[in-house]
Amino acid sequence: MAERRLSSAERRAQLVGIARDVIATEGTDALTLAYLASRAGISKPVVYDHFSSRSALLLSLYQDFDQRHLADLHAALAHTPPDLRQRVEAIATAHVACIVSQGVELSGVAAALAGTPALGEAKRESERRYVDICRHAIRSADGGADLSEEAAIAFVGAADALGYAAARETISPELARSTITTVLLSLVEASG
């Protein structure tokens, strides 16, 4: 009996999953379109049907991370009462959990794409969406609270740095979460 052909969406998801595995186990430098085709057991043209270049593949991996990060944040906030501290703790917990679970792969992808206009745009859009969700969660818990633009920049920078420190096991995830909570609460109070 012949194997069922994957749909285009299924094939793309398969390739993204294999690419993440390659980065996690062998590093970003090992990931080429030819190697991805070999690992997937398909021809190179099939990979090129989905990704026009290595940069396009890496950008797709970054976008995949972003979608999962936002989904995790939405899920965490959906189960959190409209209390400011609890919302901020949920934001911190989701942020650290996402980076710890994907930090090695994500940092390799971001480093490989550093300086490309596509990544710069993707990061700006990702941060804007993320901050919008956080601001909405904060405002819905306390109508007078908000994050100014500069406070949002400080929060994202601190949260990413602490999340990556936890992913590298420089600090514990719990310490990263509690510090992000403290930082975000102080930024909300300063701009609220």
Protein backbone atom coordinates (compact mmCIF):
# COMPACT_ATOMS: atom_id res chain seq x y z
CA MET A 1 0.00 0.00 0.00
CA ALA A 2 1.37 3.43 -0.98
CA GLU A 3 1.98 6.09 1.65
CA ARG A 4 -0.51 8.94 1.73
CA ARG A 5 0.90 12.18 0.32
CA LEU A 6 1.01 15.03 2.75
CA SER A 7 -1.00 18.14 1.99
CA SER A 8 1.00 21.31 1.43
CA ALA A 9 0.20 22.53 4.96
CA GLU A 10 1.11 19.16 6.49
CA ARG A 11 4.39 19.05 4.54
CA ARG A 12 5.29 22.58 5.61
CA ALA A 13 4.54 21.75 9.25
CA GLN A 14 6.64 18.59 8.93
CA LEU A 15 9.57 20.56 7.49
CA VAL A 16 9.34 23.22 10.21
CA GLY A 17 9.33 20.49 12.86
CA ILE A 18 12.37 18.76 11.35
CA ALA A 19 14.16 22.12 11.03
CA ARG A 20 13.53 22.85 14.73
CA ASP A 21 14.90 19.41 15.61
CA VAL A 22 18.03 19.99 13.50
CA ILE A 23 18.67 23.32 15.23
CA ALA A 24 18.07 21.83 18.68
CA THR A 25 20.35 18.84 18.14
CA GLU A 26 22.95 20.02 15.63
CA GLY A 27 22.84 23.83 15.71
CA THR A 28 21.67 26.45 13.27
CA ASP A 29 24.71 26.15 11.01
CA ALA A 30 23.76 22.54 10.20
CA LEU A 31 20.40 23.62 8.79
CA THR A 32 20.46 23.93 5.01
CA LEU A 33 17.63 23.30 2.59
CA ALA A 34 19.50 20.31 1.15
CA TYR A 35 20.03 18.83 4.61
CA LEU A 36 16.37 19.46 5.48
CA ALA A 37 15.31 17.59 2.34
CA SER A 38 17.60 14.70 3.25
CA ARG A 39 16.27 14.53 6.82
CA ALA A 40 12.68 14.63 5.55
CA GLY A 41 13.36 11.96 2.94
CA ILE A 42 12.19 14.16 0.07
CA SER A 43 13.80 15.88 -2.91
CA LYS A 44 15.25 19.38 -2.68
CA PRO A 45 12.64 20.85 -5.08
CA VAL A 46 9.90 19.90 -2.61
CA VAL A 47 11.66 21.90 0.11
CA TYR A 48 12.11 24.82 -2.30
CA ASP A 49 8.36 24.72 -3.00
CA HIS A 50 7.88 25.71 0.64
CA PHE A 51 10.95 27.86 1.33
CA SER A 52 12.65 29.89 -1.38
CA SER A 53 15.86 30.21 0.66
CA ARG A 54 17.46 29.32 3.97
CA SER A 55 16.52 32.80 5.23
CA ALA A 56 12.88 32.15 4.31
CA LEU A 57 13.00 28.89 6.28
CA LEU A 58 14.57 30.62 9.28
CA LEU A 59 11.99 33.41 9.12
CA SER A 60 9.24 30.78 9.04
CA LEU A 61 10.74 29.20 12.17
CA TYR A 62 10.77 32.60 13.88
CA GLN A 63 7.13 33.19 12.92
CA ASP A 64 6.22 29.72 14.18
CA PHE A 65 7.81 30.58 17.55
CA ASP A 66 5.92 33.89 17.60
CA GLN A 67 2.56 32.20 16.96
CA ARG A 68 3.15 29.67 19.73
CA HIS A 69 4.33 32.40 22.10
CA LEU A 70 1.15 34.44 21.54
CA ALA A 71 -1.06 31.35 21.82
CA ASP A 72 0.58 30.45 25.15
CA LEU A 73 0.07 34.01 26.40
CA HIS A 74 -3.61 34.04 25.36
CA ALA A 75 -4.16 30.67 27.06
CA ALA A 76 -2.49 31.82 30.28
CA LEU A 77 -4.51 35.03 30.40
CA ALA A 78 -7.79 33.28 29.58
CA HIS A 79 -7.52 31.36 32.86
CA THR A 80 -6.45 34.31 35.01
CA PRO A 81 -8.89 36.48 37.00
CA PRO A 82 -8.90 40.22 36.24
CA ASP A 83 -6.55 41.04 39.08
CA LEU A 84 -3.51 43.15 38.13
CA ARG A 85 -0.91 41.14 40.03
CA GLN A 86 -2.33 37.82 38.84
CA ARG A 87 -2.37 39.03 35.23
CA VAL A 88 1.22 40.25 35.47
CA GLU A 89 2.28 36.93 37.02
CA ALA A 90 0.51 35.07 34.20
CA ILE A 91 2.35 37.19 31.61
CA ALA A 92 5.70 36.52 33.32
CA THR A 93 5.04 32.80 33.66
CA ALA A 94 4.00 32.40 30.01
CA HIS A 95 6.99 34.43 28.82
CA VAL A 96 9.56 32.39 30.71
CA ALA A 97 7.92 29.04 29.88
CA CYS A 98 7.89 29.85 26.18
CA ILE A 99 11.52 30.96 26.04
CA VAL A 100 12.74 28.07 28.20
CA SER A 101 10.95 25.57 25.96
CA GLN A 102 12.22 27.14 22.71
CA GLY A 103 15.16 29.32 23.72
CA VAL A 104 17.97 27.32 22.13
CA GLU A 105 16.24 27.09 18.77
CA LEU A 106 14.96 30.65 18.80
CA SER A 107 18.27 32.25 19.72
CA GLY A 108 19.99 30.32 16.92
CA VAL A 109 17.36 31.38 14.40
CA ALA A 110 17.49 35.03 15.48
CA ALA A 111 21.30 35.03 15.32
CA ALA A 112 21.27 33.50 11.84
CA LEU A 113 18.80 36.14 10.65
CA ALA A 114 20.45 39.07 12.45
CA GLY A 115 20.64 42.11 10.26
CA THR A 116 18.10 40.93 7.70
CA PRO A 117 15.28 43.40 7.02
CA ALA A 118 12.72 40.58 7.12
CA LEU A 119 13.67 39.60 10.66
CA GLY A 120 13.69 43.21 11.82
CA GLU A 121 10.16 43.67 10.53
CA ALA A 122 9.01 40.33 11.96
CA LYS A 123 10.47 41.18 15.40
CA ARG A 124 8.83 44.62 15.45
CA GLU A 125 5.45 43.12 14.50
CA SER A 126 5.85 40.31 17.03
CA GLU A 127 6.71 42.72 19.84
CA ARG A 128 3.84 45.03 18.90
CA ARG A 129 1.31 42.17 19.03
CA TYR A 130 2.78 40.87 22.28
CA VAL A 131 2.74 44.28 23.98
CA ASP A 132 -0.83 44.92 22.77
CA ILE A 133 -2.00 41.69 24.42
CA CYS A 134 -0.15 42.54 27.64
CA ARG A 135 -1.53 46.09 27.68
CA HIS A 136 -5.07 44.83 27.17
CA ALA A 137 -4.65 42.31 30.02
CA ILE A 138 -3.29 45.02 32.31
CA ARG A 139 -6.02 47.55 31.43
CA SER A 140 -8.78 44.95 31.83
CA ALA A 141 -7.49 44.22 35.35
CA ASP A 142 -7.08 47.87 36.31
CA GLY A 143 -8.63 50.51 34.08
CA GLY A 144 -6.14 53.14 35.25
CA ALA A 145 -3.06 51.02 34.55
CA ASP A 146 -1.15 50.91 31.29
CA LEU A 147 2.34 50.71 29.83
CA SER A 148 3.86 53.70 28.12
CA GLU A 149 5.82 53.07 24.94
CA GLU A 150 9.16 53.33 26.75
CA ALA A 151 7.91 51.12 29.59
CA ALA A 152 6.83 48.49 27.04
CA ILE A 153 10.31 48.56 25.47
CA ALA A 154 11.93 48.16 28.90
CA PHE A 155 9.56 45.31 29.81
CA VAL A 156 10.19 43.33 26.61
CA GLY A 157 13.96 43.78 26.90
CA ALA A 158 14.04 42.71 30.54
CA ALA A 159 11.62 39.80 30.03
CA ASP A 160 13.60 38.46 27.07
CA ALA A 161 16.93 38.78 28.90
CA LEU A 162 15.57 37.02 31.98
CA GLY A 163 13.84 34.34 29.92
CA TYR A 164 17.05 33.55 28.01
CA ALA A 165 19.01 33.48 31.28
CA ALA A 166 16.55 30.86 32.54
CA ALA A 167 16.84 28.91 29.27
CA ARG A 168 20.65 28.87 29.66
CA GLU A 169 20.16 27.86 33.33
CA THR A 170 22.04 30.94 34.52
CA ILE A 171 19.08 31.62 36.81
CA SER A 172 16.08 29.50 37.73
CA PRO A 173 12.82 29.87 35.81
CA GLU A 174 11.14 30.84 39.10
CA LEU A 175 13.62 33.66 39.69
CA ALA A 176 13.13 34.84 36.09
CA ARG A 177 9.32 34.81 36.55
CA SER A 178 9.39 36.66 39.86
CA THR A 179 11.83 39.28 38.55
CA ILE A 180 9.76 39.87 35.40
CA THR A 181 6.69 40.24 37.62
CA THR A 182 8.47 42.82 39.78
CA VAL A 183 9.77 44.73 36.75
CA LEU A 184 6.41 44.78 34.98
CA LEU A 185 4.50 45.83 38.08
CA SER A 186 6.93 48.71 38.66
CA LEU A 187 6.62 49.80 35.03
CA VAL A 188 2.83 49.66 35.17
CA GLU A 189 2.78 51.70 38.37
CA ALA A 190 5.19 54.23 36.88
CA SER A 191 3.05 54.79 33.80
CA GLY A 192 -0.39 54.22 35.31
